[in-house]
Amino acid sequence: MIESTQKISDQDSATTTAILCAESLDISSASRLHEVLSDALDSGHPININISEITRIDTSCIQLFFSFIKEAKNRHIDIDWSKDNEIFVETLRLIGLTSIIDTTV
């Protein structure tokens, strides 16, 4: 399951969209991931993506993240990748896409 919530920071009253990724992101979850990422972009708020639970990710979902990142940049929406995840980073490395995310992953 992929969850998305909006939270307000107590410090500056800023709203952030938080996305918690499921353990397995594959073709069967791609539609839901697309929906969650699109909704996050439409909110216009900074986005925090927690990838710590991912144990498997396939190229269909990597492609969605790639498009999502490009669109967020076009809309000037900040993305923060929280929680390091070796599987996510290694998958990006294997397909030659490590440049799509900041070094914060």
Protein backbone atom coordinates (compact mmCIF):
# COMPACT_ATOMS: atom_id res chain seq x y z
CA MET A 1 0.00 0.00 0.00
CA ILE A 2 1.14 3.52 -0.75
CA GLU A 3 0.01 6.20 1.65
CA SER A 4 -0.12 9.95 1.24
CA THR A 5 -0.93 12.55 3.86
CA GLN A 6 -0.60 16.27 4.24
CA LYS A 7 0.92 17.59 7.40
CA ILE A 8 1.51 21.04 8.76
CA SER A 9 4.81 21.84 10.40
CA ASP A 10 4.37 23.36 13.85
CA GLN A 11 7.41 25.56 13.38
CA ASP A 12 6.40 27.57 10.33
CA SER A 13 2.83 26.46 9.53
CA ALA A 14 4.05 25.13 6.18
CA THR A 15 2.13 22.28 4.60
CA THR A 16 4.05 19.29 3.28
CA THR A 17 2.70 16.28 1.41
CA ALA A 18 4.16 13.09 2.86
CA ILE A 19 4.25 9.86 0.86
CA LEU A 20 5.09 6.51 2.46
CA CYS A 21 6.02 3.95 -0.18
CA ALA A 22 5.01 0.32 0.08
CA GLU A 23 7.47 -2.56 0.44
CA SER A 24 6.91 -3.72 -3.11
CA LEU A 25 6.49 -1.27 -5.96
CA ASP A 26 5.81 -3.18 -9.15
CA ILE A 27 3.44 -3.08 -12.09
CA SER A 28 0.51 -4.05 -9.85
CA SER A 29 1.02 -0.93 -7.71
CA ALA A 30 1.97 1.44 -10.55
CA SER A 31 -1.54 2.81 -11.01
CA ARG A 32 -1.87 3.67 -7.31
CA LEU A 33 1.63 5.16 -7.23
CA HIS A 34 0.79 7.33 -10.25
CA GLU A 35 -2.38 8.54 -8.52
CA VAL A 36 -0.55 9.39 -5.29
CA LEU A 37 2.31 11.17 -7.07
CA SER A 38 -0.11 13.15 -9.27
CA ASP A 39 -2.17 14.22 -6.27
CA ALA A 40 1.01 15.30 -4.48
CA LEU A 41 2.03 17.45 -7.44
CA ASP A 42 -1.44 18.94 -7.69
CA SER A 43 -1.26 19.99 -4.04
CA GLY A 44 1.56 22.37 -4.92
CA HIS A 45 3.20 21.77 -1.53
CA PRO A 46 6.71 20.47 -0.89
CA ILE A 47 6.77 16.66 -0.97
CA ASN A 48 8.49 14.23 1.39
CA ILE A 49 8.84 10.68 0.05
CA ASN A 50 9.70 7.96 2.55
CA ILE A 51 11.32 5.07 0.69
CA SER A 52 12.58 3.20 3.74
CA GLU A 53 10.12 0.29 3.41
CA ILE A 54 10.89 -0.57 -0.22
CA THR A 55 12.24 -4.10 -0.64
CA ARG A 56 11.41 -4.46 -4.35
CA ILE A 57 10.90 -1.93 -7.12
CA ASP A 58 10.60 -2.52 -10.85
CA THR A 59 11.19 -0.25 -13.81
CA SER A 60 7.52 0.68 -14.21
CA CYS A 61 7.60 2.48 -10.86
CA ILE A 62 11.09 3.89 -11.46
CA GLN A 63 9.71 5.41 -14.67
CA LEU A 64 6.85 6.97 -12.69
CA PHE A 65 9.32 8.47 -10.21
CA PHE A 66 11.42 9.80 -13.10
CA SER A 67 8.42 11.56 -14.68
CA PHE A 68 7.29 12.78 -11.27
CA ILE A 69 10.67 14.36 -10.52
CA LYS A 70 10.78 16.11 -13.89
CA GLU A 71 7.28 17.50 -13.39
CA ALA A 72 8.03 18.62 -9.83
CA LYS A 73 11.06 20.53 -11.14
CA ASN A 74 8.90 22.14 -13.85
CA ARG A 75 6.43 23.24 -11.16
CA HIS A 76 9.20 24.34 -8.75
CA ILE A 77 8.02 21.88 -6.09
CA ASP A 78 10.66 20.66 -3.65
CA ILE A 79 11.05 16.93 -3.07
CA ASP A 80 12.75 15.46 -0.02
CA TRP A 81 13.66 11.76 -0.12
CA SER A 82 13.72 10.53 3.45
CA LYS A 83 15.23 7.34 4.79
CA ASP A 84 18.09 5.80 2.86
CA ASN A 85 17.25 2.67 0.92
CA GLU A 86 19.99 0.58 -0.65
CA ILE A 87 17.57 -1.39 -2.86
CA PHE A 88 16.11 1.78 -4.37
CA VAL A 89 19.52 3.31 -5.03
CA GLU A 90 20.96 0.06 -6.40
CA THR A 91 18.01 -0.35 -8.79
CA LEU A 92 18.59 3.17 -10.07
CA ARG A 93 22.30 2.45 -10.47
CA LEU A 94 21.67 -0.78 -12.41
CA ILE A 95 19.48 1.00 -14.96
CA GLY A 96 21.69 4.09 -15.13
CA LEU A 97 19.33 6.56 -13.51
CA THR A 98 21.07 7.57 -10.29
CA SER A 99 21.13 11.15 -11.54
CA ILE A 100 17.35 11.50 -11.24
CA ILE A 101 17.45 11.92 -7.48
CA ASP A 102 19.45 14.09 -5.15
CA THR A 103 22.30 12.63 -3.15
CA THR A 104 20.02 12.72 -0.10
CA VAL A 105 18.83 9.20 -0.89
